[in-house]
Amino acid sequence: MHFSTNIKLLRKRRNRTQDEVANYLGMKRSTLSGYENNVAQPGVDVLMTFSEYFQISIDTLVKTNLSALSESQLSELERGFDVYITGSKLRVLTSTVNSDNEENIELVSEKAKAGYKSGYADPEYISVLPVFQLPFLSKDRKYRSFQINGDSMVPIPDKSFITGEFIQNWSYLKKGDACVILTKEDGVVFKVLGNPIKAGKPVTLFSLNPLYQPFDVQVSEIKEIWKFVNYISSEIPEAMSPEMELHKTVANLKNEVENIKRRLVD
């Protein structure tokens, strides 16, 4: 049970003293100290009190080791995303930090992508990736950058580095979101979501280049999702040719027809 260490961690993250929290909860400081040091065991009423105070479910307070989560995951939890409340699956992310304890942006190059498929959850693999910082990005979110290859996502140039925000709760994503997705079968892909992600239903992934056909991926095959934030490239994107524009128009019409068919079936 992680209750004692969790309430101590959460209290300190709020910059509250034991006296302040104890007074707010209507208990003695020594009682709170006993809970934090695992000397006293809380009853159901006490668990409910702490759950309401921190706005975190009892299951999370008791079952999840919050100290093992990354800063971005803790921040997301404190903003109201709790896996036991939303019914989602907790996705523990392997991450690195700099000397100031700020999360790095790890860079997954084209060569490193092959290893990322199996090493994405391996601390040793993640620890040797090159890292950098983008000062204009939020410090309480987690980002990672992936190099893409090919022309399936033009006008984004080949060999660009796509920076994405780690998404814990996939239900936040919507149709049209561009994402870097790690799948069991295809590894790292950069595509556009054709529909919201729902358990038991496939996700249709589209390319920006209409010459590439969309394809479906089962949710159970997806390991990670990073929502597009920006990209870095040494090339200037090329304008789309009239022929490409025509292909895009035709592809969009086909997609709309498929969406209508899918809605009729559902």
C-alpha atoms as a PDB file:
ATOM      1  CA  MET A   1       0.000   0.000   0.000  1.00  0.00           C
ATOM      2  CA  HIS A   2       1.407   3.382  -1.065  1.00  0.00           C
ATOM      3  CA  PHE A   3      -0.955   5.606   0.916  1.00  0.00           C
ATOM      4  CA  SER A   4       1.603   6.995   3.390  1.00  0.00           C
ATOM      5  CA  THR A   5       4.230   7.976   0.820  1.00  0.00           C
ATOM      6  CA  ASN A   6       1.612   9.303  -1.590  1.00  0.00           C
ATOM      7  CA  ILE A   7      -0.072  11.731   0.803  1.00  0.00           C
ATOM      8  CA  LYS A   8       3.326  12.996   1.920  1.00  0.00           C
ATOM      9  CA  LEU A   9       4.407  13.524  -1.688  1.00  0.00           C
ATOM     10  CA  LEU A  10       1.175  15.299  -2.617  1.00  0.00           C
ATOM     11  CA  ARG A  11       1.333  17.526   0.458  1.00  0.00           C
ATOM     12  CA  LYS A  12       4.877  18.609  -0.359  1.00  0.00           C
ATOM     13  CA  ARG A  13       3.968  19.254  -3.989  1.00  0.00           C
ATOM     14  CA  ARG A  14       1.347  21.688  -2.717  1.00  0.00           C
ATOM     15  CA  ASN A  15       3.944  23.317  -0.457  1.00  0.00           C
ATOM     16  CA  ARG A  16       1.809  22.652   2.614  1.00  0.00           C
ATOM     17  CA  THR A  17       3.088  21.921   6.108  1.00  0.00           C
ATOM     18  CA  GLN A  18       1.717  19.113   8.243  1.00  0.00           C
ATOM     19  CA  ASP A  19       0.095  21.720  10.498  1.00  0.00           C
ATOM     20  CA  GLU A  20      -1.696  23.359   7.560  1.00  0.00           C
ATOM     21  CA  VAL A  21      -3.068  20.110   6.158  1.00  0.00           C
ATOM     22  CA  ALA A  22      -3.988  18.716   9.578  1.00  0.00           C
ATOM     23  CA  ASN A  23      -5.880  21.897  10.495  1.00  0.00           C
ATOM     24  CA  TYR A  24      -7.737  21.875   7.184  1.00  0.00           C
ATOM     25  CA  LEU A  25      -8.728  18.221   7.606  1.00  0.00           C
ATOM     26  CA  GLY A  26      -9.678  18.657  11.251  1.00  0.00           C
ATOM     27  CA  MET A  27      -7.108  16.296  12.735  1.00  0.00           C
ATOM     28  CA  LYS A  28      -4.037  16.595  14.955  1.00  0.00           C
ATOM     29  CA  ARG A  29      -0.645  17.086  13.344  1.00  0.00           C
ATOM     30  CA  SER A  30       0.600  13.966  15.151  1.00  0.00           C
ATOM     31  CA  THR A  31      -2.225  11.971  13.552  1.00  0.00           C
ATOM     32  CA  LEU A  32      -1.271  13.167  10.075  1.00  0.00           C
ATOM     33  CA  SER A  33       2.377  12.408  10.834  1.00  0.00           C
ATOM     34  CA  GLY A  34       1.371   8.884  11.816  1.00  0.00           C
ATOM     35  CA  TYR A  35      -0.357   8.363   8.472  1.00  0.00           C
ATOM     36  CA  GLU A  36       2.578   9.793   6.512  1.00  0.00           C
ATOM     37  CA  ASN A  37       5.106   7.631   8.358  1.00  0.00           C
ATOM     38  CA  ASN A  38       2.977   4.489   8.057  1.00  0.00           C
ATOM     39  CA  VAL A  39       2.607   4.233  11.828  1.00  0.00           C
ATOM     40  CA  ALA A  40      -1.183   4.584  11.803  1.00  0.00           C
ATOM     41  CA  GLN A  41      -3.485   2.848   9.327  1.00  0.00           C
ATOM     42  CA  PRO A  42      -6.344   4.925   7.870  1.00  0.00           C
ATOM     43  CA  GLY A  43      -9.946   3.813   7.983  1.00  0.00           C
ATOM     44  CA  VAL A  44     -12.424   4.259   5.160  1.00  0.00           C
ATOM     45  CA  ASP A  45     -13.540   7.672   6.446  1.00  0.00           C
ATOM     46  CA  VAL A  46      -9.938   8.905   6.527  1.00  0.00           C
ATOM     47  CA  LEU A  47      -9.274   7.600   3.027  1.00  0.00           C
ATOM     48  CA  MET A  48     -12.339   9.450   1.770  1.00  0.00           C
ATOM     49  CA  THR A  49     -11.165  12.634   3.498  1.00  0.00           C
ATOM     50  CA  PHE A  50      -7.755  12.552   1.815  1.00  0.00           C
ATOM     51  CA  SER A  51      -9.316  11.590  -1.514  1.00  0.00           C
ATOM     52  CA  GLU A  52     -11.573  14.640  -1.412  1.00  0.00           C
ATOM     53  CA  TYR A  53      -8.740  16.921  -0.272  1.00  0.00           C
ATOM     54  CA  PHE A  54      -6.324  15.928  -3.043  1.00  0.00           C
ATOM     55  CA  GLN A  55      -9.108  15.282  -5.606  1.00  0.00           C
ATOM     56  CA  ILE A  56      -7.588  11.885  -6.316  1.00  0.00           C
ATOM     57  CA  SER A  57      -9.367   8.545  -6.048  1.00  0.00           C
ATOM     58  CA  ILE A  58      -8.837   6.241  -3.079  1.00  0.00           C
ATOM     59  CA  ASP A  59      -7.631   3.513  -5.447  1.00  0.00           C
ATOM     60  CA  THR A  60      -4.896   5.789  -6.779  1.00  0.00           C
ATOM     61  CA  LEU A  61      -3.847   6.923  -3.306  1.00  0.00           C
ATOM     62  CA  VAL A  62      -3.582   3.328  -2.130  1.00  0.00           C
ATOM     63  CA  LYS A  63      -2.526   1.296  -5.183  1.00  0.00           C
ATOM     64  CA  THR A  64      -0.319   3.579  -7.287  1.00  0.00           C
ATOM     65  CA  ASN A  65       3.239   4.518  -6.369  1.00  0.00           C
ATOM     66  CA  LEU A  66       3.059   8.179  -7.345  1.00  0.00           C
ATOM     67  CA  SER A  67       6.792   8.681  -6.820  1.00  0.00           C
ATOM     68  CA  ALA A  68       7.404   6.360  -9.785  1.00  0.00           C
ATOM     69  CA  LEU A  69       5.459   8.632 -12.151  1.00  0.00           C
ATOM     70  CA  SER A  70       7.100  11.300 -14.269  1.00  0.00           C
ATOM     71  CA  GLU A  71       6.544  14.986 -13.578  1.00  0.00           C
ATOM     72  CA  SER A  72       4.208  15.276 -16.555  1.00  0.00           C
ATOM     73  CA  GLN A  73       2.117  12.338 -15.318  1.00  0.00           C
ATOM     74  CA  LEU A  74       1.908  13.772 -11.806  1.00  0.00           C
ATOM     75  CA  SER A  75       0.873  17.147 -13.200  1.00  0.00           C
ATOM     76  CA  GLU A  76      -1.806  15.484 -15.309  1.00  0.00           C
ATOM     77  CA  LEU A  77      -3.062  13.608 -12.252  1.00  0.00           C
ATOM     78  CA  GLU A  78      -3.247  16.839 -10.262  1.00  0.00           C
ATOM     79  CA  ARG A  79      -5.151  18.505 -13.106  1.00  0.00           C
ATOM     80  CA  GLY A  80      -7.900  15.914 -12.741  1.00  0.00           C
ATOM     81  CA  PHE A  81      -6.924  12.963 -14.922  1.00  0.00           C
ATOM     82  CA  ASP A  82      -7.122   9.917 -12.668  1.00  0.00           C
ATOM     83  CA  VAL A  83      -7.105   6.488 -14.301  1.00  0.00           C
ATOM     84  CA  TYR A  84      -9.397   5.015 -11.653  1.00  0.00           C
ATOM     85  CA  ILE A  85     -11.929   7.796 -12.168  1.00  0.00           C
ATOM     86  CA  THR A  86     -11.821   7.909 -15.975  1.00  0.00           C
ATOM     87  CA  GLY A  87     -11.554   4.153 -16.417  1.00  0.00           C
ATOM     88  CA  SER A  88      -8.457   4.468 -18.596  1.00  0.00           C
ATOM     89  CA  LYS A  89      -5.309   2.394 -18.453  1.00  0.00           C
ATOM     90  CA  LEU A  90      -2.301   3.909 -16.684  1.00  0.00           C
ATOM     91  CA  ARG A  91       0.605   4.203 -19.082  1.00  0.00           C
ATOM     92  CA  VAL A  92       3.858   4.598 -17.177  1.00  0.00           C
ATOM     93  CA  LEU A  93       6.378   6.533 -19.254  1.00  0.00           C
ATOM     94  CA  THR A  94      10.152   6.128 -19.122  1.00  0.00           C
ATOM     95  CA  SER A  95      11.705   9.587 -19.170  1.00  0.00           C
ATOM     96  CA  THR A  96      14.874  11.587 -18.425  1.00  0.00           C
ATOM     97  CA  VAL A  97      15.488  14.917 -16.688  1.00  0.00           C
ATOM     98  CA  ASN A  98      18.228  17.546 -16.822  1.00  0.00           C
ATOM     99  CA  SER A  99      20.364  18.898 -13.971  1.00  0.00           C
ATOM    100  CA  ASP A 100      17.508  21.212 -12.933  1.00  0.00           C
ATOM    101  CA  ASN A 101      15.132  18.233 -12.678  1.00  0.00           C
ATOM    102  CA  GLU A 102      13.250  19.429 -15.763  1.00  0.00           C
ATOM    103  CA  GLU A 103      12.090  16.823 -18.241  1.00  0.00           C
ATOM    104  CA  ASN A 104      14.177  16.510 -21.386  1.00  0.00           C
ATOM    105  CA  ILE A 105      12.901  16.181 -24.910  1.00  0.00           C
ATOM    106  CA  GLU A 106      14.454  12.925 -26.067  1.00  0.00           C
ATOM    107  CA  LEU A 107      15.312  12.745 -29.752  1.00  0.00           C
ATOM    108  CA  VAL A 108      14.557   9.503 -31.599  1.00  0.00           C
ATOM    109  CA  SER A 109      16.459   9.609 -34.881  1.00  0.00           C
ATOM    110  CA  GLU A 110      15.685   7.512 -37.942  1.00  0.00           C
ATOM    111  CA  LYS A 111      18.350   4.990 -36.893  1.00  0.00           C
ATOM    112  CA  ALA A 112      17.073   4.863 -33.311  1.00  0.00           C
ATOM    113  CA  LYS A 113      13.439   4.256 -34.326  1.00  0.00           C
ATOM    114  CA  ALA A 114      14.065   0.568 -34.986  1.00  0.00           C
ATOM    115  CA  GLY A 115      15.161   0.100 -31.385  1.00  0.00           C
ATOM    116  CA  TYR A 116      12.384   2.291 -30.004  1.00  0.00           C
ATOM    117  CA  LYS A 117       9.781  -0.308 -30.944  1.00  0.00           C
ATOM    118  CA  SER A 118      11.135  -2.659 -28.270  1.00  0.00           C
ATOM    119  CA  GLY A 119      13.037  -0.196 -26.080  1.00  0.00           C
ATOM    120  CA  TYR A 120      10.413   2.508 -25.508  1.00  0.00           C
ATOM    121  CA  ALA A 121       9.864   1.300 -21.919  1.00  0.00           C
ATOM    122  CA  ASP A 122      13.514   0.447 -21.230  1.00  0.00           C
ATOM    123  CA  PRO A 123      15.225   3.075 -19.020  1.00  0.00           C
ATOM    124  CA  GLU A 124      18.650   2.118 -20.392  1.00  0.00           C
ATOM    125  CA  TYR A 125      17.550   2.649 -23.990  1.00  0.00           C
ATOM    126  CA  ILE A 126      15.846   5.971 -23.235  1.00  0.00           C
ATOM    127  CA  SER A 127      18.804   7.209 -21.160  1.00  0.00           C
ATOM    128  CA  VAL A 128      21.230   7.119 -24.118  1.00  0.00           C
ATOM    129  CA  LEU A 129      18.998   9.053 -26.537  1.00  0.00           C
ATOM    130  CA  PRO A 130      20.142  12.605 -27.391  1.00  0.00           C
ATOM    131  CA  VAL A 131      18.167  15.260 -25.513  1.00  0.00           C
ATOM    132  CA  PHE A 132      17.372  18.946 -25.909  1.00  0.00           C
ATOM    133  CA  GLN A 133      15.059  21.645 -24.571  1.00  0.00           C
ATOM    134  CA  LEU A 134      12.526  23.970 -26.195  1.00  0.00           C
ATOM    135  CA  PRO A 135      11.997  26.842 -23.742  1.00  0.00           C
ATOM    136  CA  PHE A 136       8.640  27.890 -25.214  1.00  0.00           C
ATOM    137  CA  LEU A 137       6.992  24.540 -24.392  1.00  0.00           C
ATOM    138  CA  SER A 138       5.138  23.913 -21.130  1.00  0.00           C
ATOM    139  CA  LYS A 139       7.301  22.501 -18.343  1.00  0.00           C
ATOM    140  CA  ASP A 140       4.496  20.371 -16.910  1.00  0.00           C
ATOM    141  CA  ARG A 141       3.992  18.377 -20.110  1.00  0.00           C
ATOM    142  CA  LYS A 142       6.157  15.603 -21.542  1.00  0.00           C
ATOM    143  CA  TYR A 143       7.534  15.883 -25.074  1.00  0.00           C
ATOM    144  CA  ARG A 144       9.590  13.671 -27.369  1.00  0.00           C
ATOM    145  CA  SER A 145      10.886  14.221 -30.909  1.00  0.00           C
ATOM    146  CA  PHE A 146      10.836  11.602 -33.688  1.00  0.00           C
ATOM    147  CA  GLN A 147      12.502  11.785 -37.100  1.00  0.00           C
ATOM    148  CA  ILE A 148      10.245  10.844 -40.008  1.00  0.00           C
ATOM    149  CA  ASN A 149      11.178   9.631 -43.460  1.00  0.00           C
ATOM    150  CA  GLY A 150       9.393   9.528 -46.784  1.00  0.00           C
ATOM    151  CA  ASP A 151       6.764  11.738 -48.383  1.00  0.00           C
ATOM    152  CA  SER A 152       3.568  10.362 -46.827  1.00  0.00           C
ATOM    153  CA  MET A 153       3.116  13.495 -44.704  1.00  0.00           C
ATOM    154  CA  VAL A 154       4.037  16.207 -47.221  1.00  0.00           C
ATOM    155  CA  PRO A 155       4.181  19.189 -47.107  1.00  0.00           C
ATOM    156  CA  ILE A 156       6.184  18.271 -43.971  1.00  0.00           C
ATOM    157  CA  PRO A 157       9.605  17.494 -45.485  1.00  0.00           C
ATOM    158  CA  ASP A 158      11.349  14.142 -45.381  1.00  0.00           C
ATOM    159  CA  LYS A 159      13.792  13.740 -42.435  1.00  0.00           C
ATOM    160  CA  SER A 160      11.930  16.307 -40.307  1.00  0.00           C
ATOM    161  CA  PHE A 161      11.852  15.905 -36.538  1.00  0.00           C
ATOM    162  CA  ILE A 162       8.310  15.793 -35.183  1.00  0.00           C
ATOM    163  CA  THR A 163       7.908  16.911 -31.578  1.00  0.00           C
ATOM    164  CA  GLY A 164       4.878  15.479 -29.827  1.00  0.00           C
ATOM    165  CA  GLU A 165       3.241  15.759 -26.415  1.00  0.00           C
ATOM    166  CA  PHE A 166       2.760  12.485 -24.567  1.00  0.00           C
ATOM    167  CA  ILE A 167      -0.942  11.695 -24.269  1.00  0.00           C
ATOM    168  CA  GLN A 168      -1.938   9.662 -21.249  1.00  0.00           C
ATOM    169  CA  ASN A 169      -5.691   9.708 -21.816  1.00  0.00           C
ATOM    170  CA  TRP A 170      -6.388   8.838 -25.453  1.00  0.00           C
ATOM    171  CA  SER A 171     -10.034   9.847 -25.160  1.00  0.00           C
ATOM    172  CA  TYR A 172      -8.830  13.478 -25.295  1.00  0.00           C
ATOM    173  CA  LEU A 173      -7.782  12.982 -28.907  1.00  0.00           C
ATOM    174  CA  LYS A 174     -10.162  13.830 -31.723  1.00  0.00           C
ATOM    175  CA  LYS A 175     -10.546  13.270 -35.435  1.00  0.00           C
ATOM    176  CA  GLY A 176      -7.983  15.276 -37.397  1.00  0.00           C
ATOM    177  CA  ASP A 177      -5.278  15.269 -34.708  1.00  0.00           C
ATOM    178  CA  ALA A 178      -1.826  14.534 -36.107  1.00  0.00           C
ATOM    179  CA  CYS A 179       0.077  12.120 -33.875  1.00  0.00           C
ATOM    180  CA  VAL A 180       3.221  10.060 -33.637  1.00  0.00           C
ATOM    181  CA  ILE A 181       1.940   6.590 -32.796  1.00  0.00           C
ATOM    182  CA  LEU A 182       3.913   3.581 -31.606  1.00  0.00           C
ATOM    183  CA  THR A 183       2.292   0.312 -32.648  1.00  0.00           C
ATOM    184  CA  LYS A 184       3.306  -3.285 -32.031  1.00  0.00           C
ATOM    185  CA  GLU A 185       3.317  -4.115 -35.739  1.00  0.00           C
ATOM    186  CA  ASP A 186       4.511  -0.987 -37.566  1.00  0.00           C
ATOM    187  CA  GLY A 187       6.635   0.674 -34.893  1.00  0.00           C
ATOM    188  CA  VAL A 188       6.694   4.483 -35.029  1.00  0.00           C
ATOM    189  CA  VAL A 189       4.317   6.120 -37.525  1.00  0.00           C
ATOM    190  CA  PHE A 190       3.284   9.750 -37.986  1.00  0.00           C
ATOM    191  CA  LYS A 191      -0.321   9.997 -39.157  1.00  0.00           C
ATOM    192  CA  VAL A 192      -3.619  11.850 -38.790  1.00  0.00           C
ATOM    193  CA  LEU A 193      -6.439  10.285 -36.767  1.00  0.00           C
ATOM    194  CA  GLY A 194      -9.513   9.538 -38.840  1.00  0.00           C
ATOM    195  CA  ASN A 195     -11.747   8.985 -35.810  1.00  0.00           C
ATOM    196  CA  PRO A 196     -11.700   9.303 -32.004  1.00  0.00           C
ATOM    197  CA  ILE A 197     -10.067   6.438 -30.124  1.00  0.00           C
ATOM    198  CA  LYS A 198     -12.571   4.090 -28.506  1.00  0.00           C
ATOM    199  CA  ALA A 199     -11.978   0.715 -26.909  1.00  0.00           C
ATOM    200  CA  GLY A 200     -12.858  -2.192 -29.171  1.00  0.00           C
ATOM    201  CA  LYS A 201     -12.935  -0.112 -32.350  1.00  0.00           C
ATOM    202  CA  PRO A 202     -10.138   0.317 -34.899  1.00  0.00           C
ATOM    203  CA  VAL A 203      -8.463   3.672 -35.461  1.00  0.00           C
ATOM    204  CA  THR A 204      -8.184   4.817 -39.065  1.00  0.00           C
ATOM    205  CA  LEU A 205      -4.877   6.558 -39.811  1.00  0.00           C
ATOM    206  CA  PHE A 206      -4.454   8.957 -42.726  1.00  0.00           C
ATOM    207  CA  SER A 207      -1.463  10.483 -44.467  1.00  0.00           C
ATOM    208  CA  LEU A 208      -1.385  14.120 -45.578  1.00  0.00           C
ATOM    209  CA  ASN A 209      -0.243  12.892 -48.973  1.00  0.00           C
ATOM    210  CA  PRO A 210      -3.420  11.654 -50.734  1.00  0.00           C
ATOM    211  CA  LEU A 211      -1.393   9.138 -52.750  1.00  0.00           C
ATOM    212  CA  TYR A 212      -1.142   7.014 -49.598  1.00  0.00           C
ATOM    213  CA  GLN A 213      -4.166   4.966 -48.594  1.00  0.00           C
ATOM    214  CA  PRO A 214      -5.509   5.138 -45.026  1.00  0.00           C
ATOM    215  CA  PHE A 215      -5.261   2.027 -42.880  1.00  0.00           C
ATOM    216  CA  ASP A 216      -6.793   0.742 -39.656  1.00  0.00           C
ATOM    217  CA  VAL A 217      -5.011  -0.085 -36.404  1.00  0.00           C
ATOM    218  CA  GLN A 218      -6.585  -1.868 -33.464  1.00  0.00           C
ATOM    219  CA  VAL A 219      -6.417   0.096 -30.210  1.00  0.00           C
ATOM    220  CA  SER A 220      -4.891  -2.950 -28.508  1.00  0.00           C
ATOM    221  CA  GLU A 221      -1.939  -2.669 -30.924  1.00  0.00           C
ATOM    222  CA  ILE A 222      -1.089   0.895 -29.856  1.00  0.00           C
ATOM    223  CA  LYS A 223       1.597   1.371 -27.191  1.00  0.00           C
ATOM    224  CA  GLU A 224       2.134   5.160 -27.113  1.00  0.00           C
ATOM    225  CA  ILE A 225       0.656   8.297 -28.661  1.00  0.00           C
ATOM    226  CA  TRP A 226       2.401  11.667 -28.958  1.00  0.00           C
ATOM    227  CA  LYS A 227       0.218  14.519 -30.222  1.00  0.00           C
ATOM    228  CA  PHE A 228       1.881  16.787 -32.794  1.00  0.00           C
ATOM    229  CA  VAL A 229       3.240  20.064 -31.401  1.00  0.00           C
ATOM    230  CA  ASN A 230       5.746  21.240 -34.016  1.00  0.00           C
ATOM    231  CA  TYR A 231       8.402  20.051 -36.399  1.00  0.00           C
ATOM    232  CA  ILE A 232      12.028  20.941 -37.102  1.00  0.00           C
ATOM    233  CA  SER A 233      13.444  20.769 -40.610  1.00  0.00           C
ATOM    234  CA  SER A 234      16.342  22.171 -42.612  1.00  0.00           C
ATOM    235  CA  GLU A 235      14.130  22.257 -45.718  1.00  0.00           C
ATOM    236  CA  ILE A 236      11.388  24.663 -46.750  1.00  0.00           C
ATOM    237  CA  PRO A 237       8.095  22.834 -47.466  1.00  0.00           C
ATOM    238  CA  GLU A 238       7.279  22.659 -51.168  1.00  0.00           C
ATOM    239  CA  ALA A 239       4.000  23.993 -52.514  1.00  0.00           C
ATOM    240  CA  MET A 240       1.479  21.336 -53.497  1.00  0.00           C
ATOM    241  CA  SER A 241       1.215  20.829 -57.256  1.00  0.00           C
ATOM    242  CA  PRO A 242      -2.172  21.028 -59.068  1.00  0.00           C
ATOM    243  CA  GLU A 243      -1.986  17.281 -59.656  1.00  0.00           C
ATOM    244  CA  MET A 244      -1.439  16.681 -55.956  1.00  0.00           C
ATOM    245  CA  GLU A 245      -4.329  19.009 -55.124  1.00  0.00           C
ATOM    246  CA  LEU A 246      -6.595  16.959 -57.395  1.00  0.00           C
ATOM    247  CA  HIS A 247      -5.468  13.715 -55.780  1.00  0.00           C
ATOM    248  CA  LYS A 248      -6.142  15.245 -52.377  1.00  0.00           C
ATOM    249  CA  THR A 249      -9.651  16.324 -53.360  1.00  0.00           C
ATOM    250  CA  VAL A 250     -10.484  12.866 -54.691  1.00  0.00           C
ATOM    251  CA  ALA A 251      -9.016  11.210 -51.600  1.00  0.00           C
ATOM    252  CA  ASN A 252     -11.047  13.473 -49.312  1.00  0.00           C
ATOM    253  CA  LEU A 253     -14.222  12.567 -51.176  1.00  0.00           C
ATOM    254  CA  LYS A 254     -13.415   8.874 -50.825  1.00  0.00           C
ATOM    255  CA  ASN A 255     -12.778   9.326 -47.116  1.00  0.00           C
ATOM    256  CA  GLU A 256     -16.089  11.091 -46.641  1.00  0.00           C
ATOM    257  CA  VAL A 257     -17.896   8.255 -48.416  1.00  0.00           C
ATOM    258  CA  GLU A 258     -16.142   5.701 -46.192  1.00  0.00           C
ATOM    259  CA  ASN A 259     -17.057   7.691 -43.074  1.00  0.00           C
ATOM    260  CA  ILE A 260     -20.707   7.777 -44.142  1.00  0.00           C
ATOM    261  CA  LYS A 261     -20.664   4.013 -44.738  1.00  0.00           C
ATOM    262  CA  ARG A 262     -19.052   3.435 -41.336  1.00  0.00           C
ATOM    263  CA  ARG A 263     -21.668   5.564 -39.562  1.00  0.00           C
ATOM    264  CA  LEU A 264     -24.471   3.675 -41.289  1.00  0.00           C
ATOM    265  CA  VAL A 265     -22.983   0.361 -40.130  1.00  0.00           C
ATOM    266  CA  ASP A 266     -22.504   1.616 -36.549  1.00  0.00           C
END
